[in-house]
Amino acid sequence: MKFMLSASLKKLLGSREKSISVGLSIHSDVVRMVVLQRNGVNYDCVKHREFPLNNEEQLPALLTSIIEKNNLRSALTSFVLPSSRVQSTQIEHEDLPASDVQAALPWQVKELISIPPQDMICDYIDMPLQPFGQTAKAQIVATSRQYLEKICAPFHQVDAELSHILTEQFAVAKLQLTQDAAQLTFIQEPKREGMLLILKNQQICFARKIRGTDAILGMPLEQLQMGGTDNLSIEIQRSIDYYESQLKQPPIKDVFVALETEHASFIIDALNKSLPVKTKLFPFDDIINQTELQQAYIPALGAALSGWTPALEAEGEE
């Protein structure tokens, strides 16, 4: 896949190299921040915080406060858009505009995306992995230009540098460090659909949302022992089968699961018994020199790493 949204926003962003990289993930009720510093070839998490957000109208003022109180003018900052502000659809790849894609695409997808075309900023993701016999499709990702300008303005007003604007899925993709080996990542947050991604070389090869798996977070141990993990196991197995059989891809190397529950270790053990792929908790330790981050900071961490280009590890290296 090829994601082009960041390239299309060059007028809103910057590109200078800095030693501090900050990731901000914007949610409906909170903004989360992760601050990373280079330590040789590794990364130290020097700060992580969350800032309550009462409503969207307060967001510019909150961002201004975050910039000032955390000295983000001397850092390279990337942020993750809230899911409520991102829309997507698919079109046949051959139907993409032949020229001036950024100007023509909003008008072409205006019946598929509810953002007015004159306010829409969008781009597309190449999806070369298609089941045999199907026409290649492109995934269109869109958001509001006015919204982007509103959240970029506090940074421009103080000459703070922006690097990337990401969706949650692409922020998570930045956390894959294994080269030339497919990895499945499943993230489950309370009261949200589960997010399942299959990644290879930090590119999204397959993505889907899974309903109903959030129930596993509140299950007592006794219910988990009586088959409470079966639904999650089935959904992961279905995705693996589709990727390997329908898309004709090599076997997936690892499954990483992010679950905020006291029974996470039991769930991982149960998945290891039912799945043919090695299953582990989300590997914060392999990404940064800090182990206190909670699952909720995963998008912000991915955004912080996007400010740099982490070296991918060759398959088989430990």
C-alpha atoms as a PDB file:
ATOM      1  CA  MET A   1       0.000   0.000   0.000  1.00  0.00           C
ATOM      2  CA  LYS A   2       1.018   3.584  -0.527  1.00  0.00           C
ATOM      3  CA  PHE A   3      -0.243   6.303   1.781  1.00  0.00           C
ATOM      4  CA  MET A   4       0.115   9.797   0.374  1.00  0.00           C
ATOM      5  CA  LEU A   5      -1.811  12.071   2.747  1.00  0.00           C
ATOM      6  CA  SER A   6       1.294  13.405   4.519  1.00  0.00           C
ATOM      7  CA  ALA A   7       2.882  14.338   1.198  1.00  0.00           C
ATOM      8  CA  SER A   8      -0.214  16.239   0.171  1.00  0.00           C
ATOM      9  CA  LEU A   9      -0.042  18.421   3.275  1.00  0.00           C
ATOM     10  CA  LYS A  10       3.442  19.866   2.777  1.00  0.00           C
ATOM     11  CA  LYS A  11       2.161  23.405   3.158  1.00  0.00           C
ATOM     12  CA  LEU A  12       0.902  22.534   6.640  1.00  0.00           C
ATOM     13  CA  LEU A  13       3.974  20.634   7.763  1.00  0.00           C
ATOM     14  CA  GLY A  14       7.754  20.866   7.993  1.00  0.00           C
ATOM     15  CA  SER A  15      10.698  18.519   7.523  1.00  0.00           C
ATOM     16  CA  ARG A  16      13.715  19.571   9.604  1.00  0.00           C
ATOM     17  CA  GLU A  17      15.592  16.970  11.643  1.00  0.00           C
ATOM     18  CA  LYS A  18      15.327  17.319  15.439  1.00  0.00           C
ATOM     19  CA  SER A  19      16.415  15.218  18.419  1.00  0.00           C
ATOM     20  CA  ILE A  20      13.015  15.365  20.172  1.00  0.00           C
ATOM     21  CA  SER A  21       9.938  13.915  18.489  1.00  0.00           C
ATOM     22  CA  VAL A  22       6.426  14.306  19.895  1.00  0.00           C
ATOM     23  CA  GLY A  23       3.294  12.359  19.074  1.00  0.00           C
ATOM     24  CA  LEU A  24      -0.178  13.690  19.867  1.00  0.00           C
ATOM     25  CA  SER A  25      -3.270  11.533  19.447  1.00  0.00           C
ATOM     26  CA  ILE A  26      -6.551  13.427  19.421  1.00  0.00           C
ATOM     27  CA  HIS A  27      -9.643  11.692  20.779  1.00  0.00           C
ATOM     28  CA  SER A  28     -13.174  12.845  21.535  1.00  0.00           C
ATOM     29  CA  ASP A  29     -12.451  13.495  25.219  1.00  0.00           C
ATOM     30  CA  VAL A  30      -8.673  13.606  25.576  1.00  0.00           C
ATOM     31  CA  VAL A  31      -5.393  14.414  23.831  1.00  0.00           C
ATOM     32  CA  ARG A  32      -2.523  12.050  24.606  1.00  0.00           C
ATOM     33  CA  MET A  33       1.133  12.974  24.235  1.00  0.00           C
ATOM     34  CA  VAL A  34       4.318  10.902  23.945  1.00  0.00           C
ATOM     35  CA  VAL A  35       7.724  12.602  23.865  1.00  0.00           C
ATOM     36  CA  LEU A  36      10.675  10.607  22.494  1.00  0.00           C
ATOM     37  CA  GLN A  37      14.379  11.369  22.483  1.00  0.00           C
ATOM     38  CA  ARG A  38      17.039   9.594  20.457  1.00  0.00           C
ATOM     39  CA  ASN A  39      19.468   7.447  22.448  1.00  0.00           C
ATOM     40  CA  GLY A  40      21.891   6.140  19.859  1.00  0.00           C
ATOM     41  CA  VAL A  41      19.866   3.778  17.696  1.00  0.00           C
ATOM     42  CA  ASN A  42      17.171   3.525  20.383  1.00  0.00           C
ATOM     43  CA  TYR A  43      14.439   5.819  21.647  1.00  0.00           C
ATOM     44  CA  ASP A  44      13.772   6.998  25.197  1.00  0.00           C
ATOM     45  CA  CYS A  45      10.264   7.969  26.244  1.00  0.00           C
ATOM     46  CA  VAL A  46      10.988  11.064  28.320  1.00  0.00           C
ATOM     47  CA  LYS A  47       7.374  12.068  28.920  1.00  0.00           C
ATOM     48  CA  HIS A  48       3.834  10.854  28.394  1.00  0.00           C
ATOM     49  CA  ARG A  49       0.692  12.645  29.494  1.00  0.00           C
ATOM     50  CA  GLU A  50      -2.961  13.015  28.702  1.00  0.00           C
ATOM     51  CA  PHE A  51      -4.970  16.230  28.639  1.00  0.00           C
ATOM     52  CA  PRO A  52      -8.769  16.225  29.103  1.00  0.00           C
ATOM     53  CA  LEU A  53     -10.806  17.663  26.235  1.00  0.00           C
ATOM     54  CA  ASN A  54     -14.344  18.748  27.070  1.00  0.00           C
ATOM     55  CA  ASN A  55     -15.423  19.515  23.502  1.00  0.00           C
ATOM     56  CA  GLU A  56     -13.936  20.006  20.060  1.00  0.00           C
ATOM     57  CA  GLU A  57     -14.245  23.798  20.216  1.00  0.00           C
ATOM     58  CA  GLN A  58     -11.650  23.792  23.007  1.00  0.00           C
ATOM     59  CA  LEU A  59      -9.096  21.868  20.954  1.00  0.00           C
ATOM     60  CA  PRO A  60      -7.115  24.831  19.504  1.00  0.00           C
ATOM     61  CA  ALA A  61      -6.763  26.411  22.952  1.00  0.00           C
ATOM     62  CA  LEU A  62      -5.744  23.065  24.453  1.00  0.00           C
ATOM     63  CA  LEU A  63      -3.125  22.528  21.746  1.00  0.00           C
ATOM     64  CA  THR A  64      -1.761  26.021  22.385  1.00  0.00           C
ATOM     65  CA  SER A  65      -1.434  25.180  26.078  1.00  0.00           C
ATOM     66  CA  ILE A  66       0.259  21.834  25.323  1.00  0.00           C
ATOM     67  CA  ILE A  67       2.754  23.537  23.003  1.00  0.00           C
ATOM     68  CA  GLU A  68       3.676  26.198  25.556  1.00  0.00           C
ATOM     69  CA  LYS A  69       3.837  24.003  28.667  1.00  0.00           C
ATOM     70  CA  ASN A  70       5.860  21.249  26.979  1.00  0.00           C
ATOM     71  CA  ASN A  71       8.130  23.435  24.829  1.00  0.00           C
ATOM     72  CA  LEU A  72       7.009  21.826  21.576  1.00  0.00           C
ATOM     73  CA  ARG A  73       8.483  24.714  19.606  1.00  0.00           C
ATOM     74  CA  SER A  74      11.851  22.940  19.892  1.00  0.00           C
ATOM     75  CA  ALA A  75      10.456  19.532  18.913  1.00  0.00           C
ATOM     76  CA  LEU A  76       9.196  17.776  15.814  1.00  0.00           C
ATOM     77  CA  THR A  77       5.493  17.026  16.321  1.00  0.00           C
ATOM     78  CA  SER A  78       3.127  14.633  14.546  1.00  0.00           C
ATOM     79  CA  PHE A  79      -0.478  13.969  15.422  1.00  0.00           C
ATOM     80  CA  VAL A  80      -3.179  11.372  14.922  1.00  0.00           C
ATOM     81  CA  LEU A  81      -6.606  12.488  13.767  1.00  0.00           C
ATOM     82  CA  PRO A  82      -9.637  11.332  15.763  1.00  0.00           C
ATOM     83  CA  SER A  83     -11.556   8.540  14.055  1.00  0.00           C
ATOM     84  CA  SER A  84     -14.670  10.729  14.009  1.00  0.00           C
ATOM     85  CA  ARG A  85     -12.850  13.153  11.696  1.00  0.00           C
ATOM     86  CA  VAL A  86     -11.701  10.580   9.142  1.00  0.00           C
ATOM     87  CA  GLN A  87     -13.819   9.004   6.408  1.00  0.00           C
ATOM     88  CA  SER A  88     -12.836   6.389   3.873  1.00  0.00           C
ATOM     89  CA  THR A  89     -14.201   4.517   0.891  1.00  0.00           C
ATOM     90  CA  GLN A  90     -12.931   2.349  -1.962  1.00  0.00           C
ATOM     91  CA  ILE A  91     -12.975   2.917  -5.692  1.00  0.00           C
ATOM     92  CA  GLU A  92     -11.552   0.955  -8.595  1.00  0.00           C
ATOM     93  CA  HIS A  93      -7.904   1.861  -9.035  1.00  0.00           C
ATOM     94  CA  GLU A  94      -8.468   2.460 -12.736  1.00  0.00           C
ATOM     95  CA  ASP A  95     -11.045   5.121 -11.806  1.00  0.00           C
ATOM     96  CA  LEU A  96      -8.498   7.347 -10.041  1.00  0.00           C
ATOM     97  CA  PRO A  97      -8.126  10.753 -11.729  1.00  0.00           C
ATOM     98  CA  ALA A  98      -5.412  10.675 -14.351  1.00  0.00           C
ATOM     99  CA  SER A  99      -3.968  14.038 -13.288  1.00  0.00           C
ATOM    100  CA  ASP A 100      -4.172  16.584 -10.462  1.00  0.00           C
ATOM    101  CA  VAL A 101      -5.419  13.907  -8.072  1.00  0.00           C
ATOM    102  CA  GLN A 102      -5.644  16.210  -5.049  1.00  0.00           C
ATOM    103  CA  ALA A 103      -7.979  18.619  -6.832  1.00  0.00           C
ATOM    104  CA  ALA A 104     -10.092  16.098  -8.730  1.00  0.00           C
ATOM    105  CA  LEU A 105     -10.514  13.297  -6.204  1.00  0.00           C
ATOM    106  CA  PRO A 106     -12.839  15.113  -3.745  1.00  0.00           C
ATOM    107  CA  TRP A 107     -15.347  15.754  -6.527  1.00  0.00           C
ATOM    108  CA  GLN A 108     -15.122  12.176  -7.722  1.00  0.00           C
ATOM    109  CA  VAL A 109     -15.965  10.694  -4.293  1.00  0.00           C
ATOM    110  CA  LYS A 110     -18.447  13.373  -3.166  1.00  0.00           C
ATOM    111  CA  GLU A 111     -21.340  10.860  -3.266  1.00  0.00           C
ATOM    112  CA  LEU A 112     -19.382   8.382  -1.100  1.00  0.00           C
ATOM    113  CA  ILE A 113     -17.997  10.744   1.566  1.00  0.00           C
ATOM    114  CA  SER A 114     -20.139  13.266   3.439  1.00  0.00           C
ATOM    115  CA  ILE A 115     -17.502  16.018   3.658  1.00  0.00           C
ATOM    116  CA  PRO A 116     -18.273  18.805   1.133  1.00  0.00           C
ATOM    117  CA  PRO A 117     -15.801  18.485  -1.755  1.00  0.00           C
ATOM    118  CA  GLN A 118     -14.697  22.104  -1.461  1.00  0.00           C
ATOM    119  CA  ASP A 119     -13.670  21.382   2.166  1.00  0.00           C
ATOM    120  CA  MET A 120     -12.346  17.872   1.575  1.00  0.00           C
ATOM    121  CA  ILE A 121      -8.683  17.002   1.600  1.00  0.00           C
ATOM    122  CA  CYS A 122      -8.095  13.428   0.634  1.00  0.00           C
ATOM    123  CA  ASP A 123      -5.657  10.998  -0.810  1.00  0.00           C
ATOM    124  CA  TYR A 124      -5.531   7.355  -1.664  1.00  0.00           C
ATOM    125  CA  ILE A 125      -3.802   4.169  -0.595  1.00  0.00           C
ATOM    126  CA  ASP A 126      -2.730   1.691  -3.228  1.00  0.00           C
ATOM    127  CA  MET A 127      -4.065  -1.782  -2.404  1.00  0.00           C
ATOM    128  CA  PRO A 128      -2.086  -4.172  -4.622  1.00  0.00           C
ATOM    129  CA  LEU A 129      -3.055  -7.244  -2.608  1.00  0.00           C
ATOM    130  CA  GLN A 130      -6.359  -8.362  -4.100  1.00  0.00           C
ATOM    131  CA  PRO A 131      -7.975 -11.802  -4.296  1.00  0.00           C
ATOM    132  CA  PHE A 132      -7.298 -13.495  -7.612  1.00  0.00           C
ATOM    133  CA  GLY A 133      -9.563 -12.217 -10.375  1.00  0.00           C
ATOM    134  CA  GLN A 134     -10.689  -9.032  -8.639  1.00  0.00           C
ATOM    135  CA  THR A 135      -9.986  -5.556  -9.971  1.00  0.00           C
ATOM    136  CA  ALA A 136      -7.393  -3.591  -8.014  1.00  0.00           C
ATOM    137  CA  LYS A 137      -8.928  -1.016  -5.672  1.00  0.00           C
ATOM    138  CA  ALA A 138      -7.720   2.151  -4.020  1.00  0.00           C
ATOM    139  CA  GLN A 139      -8.677   3.117  -0.466  1.00  0.00           C
ATOM    140  CA  ILE A 140      -9.643   6.787  -0.258  1.00  0.00           C
ATOM    141  CA  VAL A 141      -8.935   8.579   3.052  1.00  0.00           C
ATOM    142  CA  ALA A 142     -10.497  11.994   3.623  1.00  0.00           C
ATOM    143  CA  THR A 143     -10.860  14.668   6.254  1.00  0.00           C
ATOM    144  CA  SER A 144     -11.911  18.318   6.515  1.00  0.00           C
ATOM    145  CA  ARG A 145      -9.475  20.984   5.370  1.00  0.00           C
ATOM    146  CA  GLN A 146     -11.009  23.485   7.796  1.00  0.00           C
ATOM    147  CA  TYR A 147     -10.498  21.062  10.671  1.00  0.00           C
ATOM    148  CA  LEU A 148      -6.859  20.500   9.708  1.00  0.00           C
ATOM    149  CA  GLU A 149      -6.211  24.206   9.457  1.00  0.00           C
ATOM    150  CA  LYS A 150      -7.798  24.723  12.888  1.00  0.00           C
ATOM    151  CA  ILE A 151      -5.541  22.205  14.632  1.00  0.00           C
ATOM    152  CA  CYS A 152      -2.412  23.236  12.713  1.00  0.00           C
ATOM    153  CA  ALA A 153      -2.884  26.946  13.485  1.00  0.00           C
ATOM    154  CA  PRO A 154      -1.596  26.817  17.116  1.00  0.00           C
ATOM    155  CA  PHE A 155       1.674  25.318  15.834  1.00  0.00           C
ATOM    156  CA  HIS A 156       2.098  27.861  13.047  1.00  0.00           C
ATOM    157  CA  GLN A 157       1.403  30.761  15.394  1.00  0.00           C
ATOM    158  CA  VAL A 158       4.519  29.952  17.451  1.00  0.00           C
ATOM    159  CA  ASP A 159       6.587  28.476  14.599  1.00  0.00           C
ATOM    160  CA  ALA A 160       6.404  24.960  16.068  1.00  0.00           C
ATOM    161  CA  GLU A 161       7.190  22.326  13.480  1.00  0.00           C
ATOM    162  CA  LEU A 162       4.751  19.653  12.324  1.00  0.00           C
ATOM    163  CA  SER A 163       5.976  16.489  10.651  1.00  0.00           C
ATOM    164  CA  HIS A 164       3.067  14.124   9.945  1.00  0.00           C
ATOM    165  CA  ILE A 165      -0.706  13.974  10.166  1.00  0.00           C
ATOM    166  CA  LEU A 166      -1.844  10.376  10.496  1.00  0.00           C
ATOM    167  CA  THR A 167      -4.900   8.230  10.936  1.00  0.00           C
ATOM    168  CA  GLU A 168      -4.852   5.764  13.820  1.00  0.00           C
ATOM    169  CA  GLN A 169      -4.138   2.803  11.564  1.00  0.00           C
ATOM    170  CA  PHE A 170      -1.094   4.413   9.992  1.00  0.00           C
ATOM    171  CA  ALA A 171       0.227   5.498  13.383  1.00  0.00           C
ATOM    172  CA  VAL A 172       0.080   1.873  14.539  1.00  0.00           C
ATOM    173  CA  ALA A 173       1.835   0.768  11.344  1.00  0.00           C
ATOM    174  CA  LYS A 174       4.834   2.927  12.324  1.00  0.00           C
ATOM    175  CA  LEU A 175       5.385   0.617  15.298  1.00  0.00           C
ATOM    176  CA  GLN A 176       6.243  -2.421  13.204  1.00  0.00           C
ATOM    177  CA  LEU A 177      10.006  -2.958  13.299  1.00  0.00           C
ATOM    178  CA  THR A 178      10.468  -6.335  11.585  1.00  0.00           C
ATOM    179  CA  GLN A 179      11.603  -6.259   7.980  1.00  0.00           C
ATOM    180  CA  ASP A 180      10.092  -8.450   5.245  1.00  0.00           C
ATOM    181  CA  ALA A 181       7.860 -10.387   7.625  1.00  0.00           C
ATOM    182  CA  ALA A 182       4.118  -9.925   8.040  1.00  0.00           C
ATOM    183  CA  GLN A 183       2.813  -9.107  11.507  1.00  0.00           C
ATOM    184  CA  LEU A 184      -0.777  -9.087  12.754  1.00  0.00           C
ATOM    185  CA  THR A 185      -1.671  -6.483  15.369  1.00  0.00           C
ATOM    186  CA  PHE A 186      -4.973  -6.495  17.244  1.00  0.00           C
ATOM    187  CA  ILE A 187      -5.931  -3.570  19.489  1.00  0.00           C
ATOM    188  CA  GLN A 188      -9.036  -3.593  21.645  1.00  0.00           C
ATOM    189  CA  GLU A 189     -10.173  -0.536  23.582  1.00  0.00           C
ATOM    190  CA  PRO A 190     -13.245  -0.369  25.846  1.00  0.00           C
ATOM    191  CA  LYS A 191     -16.558   0.286  24.047  1.00  0.00           C
ATOM    192  CA  ARG A 192     -14.906   0.329  20.620  1.00  0.00           C
ATOM    193  CA  GLU A 193     -14.659  -2.082  17.746  1.00  0.00           C
ATOM    194  CA  GLY A 194     -11.463  -4.086  17.732  1.00  0.00           C
ATOM    195  CA  MET A 195      -8.857  -2.915  15.207  1.00  0.00           C
ATOM    196  CA  LEU A 196      -7.002  -5.652  13.336  1.00  0.00           C
ATOM    197  CA  LEU A 197      -4.098  -4.834  11.032  1.00  0.00           C
ATOM    198  CA  ILE A 198      -1.721  -7.006   9.050  1.00  0.00           C
ATOM    199  CA  LEU A 199       1.499  -5.083   8.486  1.00  0.00           C
ATOM    200  CA  LYS A 200       4.610  -5.636   6.422  1.00  0.00           C
ATOM    201  CA  ASN A 201       7.495  -3.155   6.302  1.00  0.00           C
ATOM    202  CA  GLN A 202       5.267  -0.602   8.060  1.00  0.00           C
ATOM    203  CA  GLN A 203       2.671  -0.823   5.311  1.00  0.00           C
ATOM    204  CA  ILE A 204      -0.921  -1.875   5.889  1.00  0.00           C
ATOM    205  CA  CYS A 205      -1.612  -5.004   3.865  1.00  0.00           C
ATOM    206  CA  PHE A 206      -4.990  -5.782   5.427  1.00  0.00           C
ATOM    207  CA  ALA A 207      -7.260  -3.956   7.876  1.00  0.00           C
ATOM    208  CA  ARG A 208     -10.643  -4.601   9.434  1.00  0.00           C
ATOM    209  CA  LYS A 209     -12.761  -3.609  12.406  1.00  0.00           C
ATOM    210  CA  ILE A 210     -14.250  -6.391  14.530  1.00  0.00           C
ATOM    211  CA  ARG A 211     -17.451  -5.933  16.517  1.00  0.00           C
ATOM    212  CA  GLY A 212     -18.190  -7.558  19.832  1.00  0.00           C
ATOM    213  CA  THR A 213     -14.652  -8.357  20.931  1.00  0.00           C
ATOM    214  CA  ASP A 214     -14.666  -5.558  23.519  1.00  0.00           C
ATOM    215  CA  ALA A 215     -16.683  -7.876  25.792  1.00  0.00           C
ATOM    216  CA  ILE A 216     -13.486  -9.793  26.521  1.00  0.00           C
ATOM    217  CA  LEU A 217     -12.134  -6.839  28.522  1.00  0.00           C
ATOM    218  CA  GLY A 218     -14.776  -7.208  31.222  1.00  0.00           C
ATOM    219  CA  MET A 219     -14.908 -11.002  31.455  1.00  0.00           C
ATOM    220  CA  PRO A 220     -13.975 -12.609  34.785  1.00  0.00           C
ATOM    221  CA  LEU A 221     -11.299 -15.287  34.677  1.00  0.00           C
ATOM    222  CA  GLU A 222     -13.875 -18.071  35.039  1.00  0.00           C
ATOM    223  CA  GLN A 223     -15.693 -16.962  31.884  1.00  0.00           C
ATOM    224  CA  LEU A 224     -12.441 -16.712  29.962  1.00  0.00           C
ATOM    225  CA  GLN A 225     -11.546 -20.235  31.047  1.00  0.00           C
ATOM    226  CA  MET A 226     -14.897 -21.480  29.718  1.00  0.00           C
ATOM    227  CA  GLY A 227     -14.250 -20.277  26.166  1.00  0.00           C
ATOM    228  CA  GLY A 228     -14.451 -16.510  26.488  1.00  0.00           C
ATOM    229  CA  THR A 229     -11.491 -16.090  24.142  1.00  0.00           C
ATOM    230  CA  ASP A 230     -12.998 -18.211  21.365  1.00  0.00           C
ATOM    231  CA  ASN A 231     -14.587 -15.334  19.438  1.00  0.00           C
ATOM    232  CA  LEU A 232     -11.346 -13.354  19.341  1.00  0.00           C
ATOM    233  CA  SER A 233      -9.389 -16.437  18.290  1.00  0.00           C
ATOM    234  CA  ILE A 234     -11.828 -17.163  15.461  1.00  0.00           C
ATOM    235  CA  GLU A 235     -11.704 -13.613  14.131  1.00  0.00           C
ATOM    236  CA  ILE A 236      -7.901 -13.541  14.164  1.00  0.00           C
ATOM    237  CA  GLN A 237      -7.756 -16.936  12.457  1.00  0.00           C
ATOM    238  CA  ARG A 238     -10.177 -15.787   9.762  1.00  0.00           C
ATOM    239  CA  SER A 239      -7.985 -12.789   9.016  1.00  0.00           C
ATOM    240  CA  ILE A 240      -4.863 -14.940   8.857  1.00  0.00           C
ATOM    241  CA  ASP A 241      -6.587 -17.378   6.499  1.00  0.00           C
ATOM    242  CA  TYR A 242      -7.758 -14.569   4.224  1.00  0.00           C
ATOM    243  CA  TYR A 243      -4.317 -12.996   4.066  1.00  0.00           C
ATOM    244  CA  GLU A 244      -2.436 -16.230   3.442  1.00  0.00           C
ATOM    245  CA  SER A 245      -4.970 -18.102   1.295  1.00  0.00           C
ATOM    246  CA  GLN A 246      -7.039 -15.513  -0.559  1.00  0.00           C
ATOM    247  CA  LEU A 247      -4.265 -12.952  -0.974  1.00  0.00           C
ATOM    248  CA  LYS A 248      -1.636 -15.665  -1.562  1.00  0.00           C
ATOM    249  CA  GLN A 249       0.871 -14.248   0.927  1.00  0.00           C
ATOM    250  CA  PRO A 250       3.643 -15.918   2.972  1.00  0.00           C
ATOM    251  CA  PRO A 251       2.783 -16.948   6.543  1.00  0.00           C
ATOM    252  CA  ILE A 252       2.397 -14.299   9.213  1.00  0.00           C
ATOM    253  CA  LYS A 253       5.339 -14.231  11.607  1.00  0.00           C
ATOM    254  CA  ASP A 254       3.798 -12.828  14.801  1.00  0.00           C
ATOM    255  CA  VAL A 255       0.518 -11.783  16.361  1.00  0.00           C
ATOM    256  CA  PHE A 256       0.650  -8.859  18.805  1.00  0.00           C
ATOM    257  CA  VAL A 257      -2.365  -8.140  20.980  1.00  0.00           C
ATOM    258  CA  ALA A 258      -3.047  -4.990  23.021  1.00  0.00           C
ATOM    259  CA  LEU A 259      -5.684  -5.463  25.733  1.00  0.00           C
ATOM    260  CA  GLU A 260      -6.200  -3.387  28.875  1.00  0.00           C
ATOM    261  CA  THR A 261      -7.398  -6.072  31.263  1.00  0.00           C
ATOM    262  CA  GLU A 262      -5.913  -7.758  34.310  1.00  0.00           C
ATOM    263  CA  HIS A 263      -6.345 -11.087  32.513  1.00  0.00           C
ATOM    264  CA  ALA A 264      -4.292 -10.126  29.444  1.00  0.00           C
ATOM    265  CA  SER A 265      -1.649 -12.805  30.139  1.00  0.00           C
ATOM    266  CA  PHE A 266      -4.298 -15.526  30.332  1.00  0.00           C
ATOM    267  CA  ILE A 267      -5.852 -14.350  27.069  1.00  0.00           C
ATOM    268  CA  ILE A 268      -2.457 -14.445  25.357  1.00  0.00           C
ATOM    269  CA  ASP A 269      -1.857 -17.982  26.625  1.00  0.00           C
ATOM    270  CA  ALA A 270      -5.269 -19.075  25.363  1.00  0.00           C
ATOM    271  CA  LEU A 271      -4.622 -17.548  21.929  1.00  0.00           C
ATOM    272  CA  ASN A 272      -1.254 -19.278  21.737  1.00  0.00           C
ATOM    273  CA  LYS A 273      -3.008 -22.613  22.249  1.00  0.00           C
ATOM    274  CA  SER A 274      -5.611 -21.986  19.555  1.00  0.00           C
ATOM    275  CA  LEU A 275      -3.682 -20.077  16.900  1.00  0.00           C
ATOM    276  CA  PRO A 276      -0.903 -21.447  14.683  1.00  0.00           C
ATOM    277  CA  VAL A 277       1.111 -18.227  15.059  1.00  0.00           C
ATOM    278  CA  LYS A 278       3.179 -17.072  18.024  1.00  0.00           C
ATOM    279  CA  THR A 279       1.048 -14.593  19.998  1.00  0.00           C
ATOM    280  CA  LYS A 280       2.447 -11.941  22.345  1.00  0.00           C
ATOM    281  CA  LEU A 281       1.407  -8.828  24.220  1.00  0.00           C
ATOM    282  CA  PHE A 282       2.084  -5.610  22.320  1.00  0.00           C
ATOM    283  CA  PRO A 283       5.898  -5.231  22.433  1.00  0.00           C
ATOM    284  CA  PHE A 284       6.536  -1.807  23.955  1.00  0.00           C
ATOM    285  CA  ASP A 285       9.939  -3.007  25.199  1.00  0.00           C
ATOM    286  CA  ASP A 286      11.110  -3.690  21.648  1.00  0.00           C
ATOM    287  CA  ILE A 287      10.172  -0.207  20.480  1.00  0.00           C
ATOM    288  CA  ILE A 288      11.277   2.201  23.226  1.00  0.00           C
ATOM    289  CA  ASN A 289      13.338   2.196  26.417  1.00  0.00           C
ATOM    290  CA  GLN A 290      10.287   2.645  28.616  1.00  0.00           C
ATOM    291  CA  THR A 291       7.730   0.133  29.812  1.00  0.00           C
ATOM    292  CA  GLU A 292       5.175   2.278  31.671  1.00  0.00           C
ATOM    293  CA  LEU A 293       3.079   3.229  28.664  1.00  0.00           C
ATOM    294  CA  GLN A 294      -0.468   1.952  28.617  1.00  0.00           C
ATOM    295  CA  GLN A 295      -2.238   0.679  25.533  1.00  0.00           C
ATOM    296  CA  ALA A 296      -4.104   3.972  25.110  1.00  0.00           C
ATOM    297  CA  TYR A 297      -0.807   5.645  24.152  1.00  0.00           C
ATOM    298  CA  ILE A 298      -0.145   3.363  21.158  1.00  0.00           C
ATOM    299  CA  PRO A 299      -1.374   5.876  18.511  1.00  0.00           C
ATOM    300  CA  ALA A 300       0.595   8.743  20.100  1.00  0.00           C
ATOM    301  CA  LEU A 301       3.709   6.559  20.228  1.00  0.00           C
ATOM    302  CA  GLY A 302       3.335   5.715  16.549  1.00  0.00           C
ATOM    303  CA  ALA A 303       2.963   9.396  15.734  1.00  0.00           C
ATOM    304  CA  ALA A 304       6.114  10.234  17.706  1.00  0.00           C
ATOM    305  CA  LEU A 305       8.086   7.569  15.838  1.00  0.00           C
ATOM    306  CA  SER A 306       6.805   8.853  12.497  1.00  0.00           C
ATOM    307  CA  GLY A 307       8.942  11.955  13.028  1.00  0.00           C
ATOM    308  CA  TRP A 308      11.909   9.711  12.361  1.00  0.00           C
ATOM    309  CA  THR A 309      12.315   6.578  10.262  1.00  0.00           C
ATOM    310  CA  PRO A 310      13.078   3.665  12.614  1.00  0.00           C
ATOM    311  CA  ALA A 311      15.432   1.054  11.226  1.00  0.00           C
ATOM    312  CA  LEU A 312      13.602  -2.166  10.489  1.00  0.00           C
ATOM    313  CA  GLU A 313      15.148  -5.348  11.903  1.00  0.00           C
ATOM    314  CA  ALA A 314      15.834  -8.178   9.499  1.00  0.00           C
ATOM    315  CA  GLU A 315      13.569 -11.205   9.894  1.00  0.00           C
ATOM    316  CA  GLY A 316      15.034 -13.731  12.298  1.00  0.00           C
ATOM    317  CA  GLU A 317      17.208 -11.267  14.201  1.00  0.00           C
ATOM    318  CA  GLU A 318      16.652 -10.956  17.926  1.00  0.00           C
END
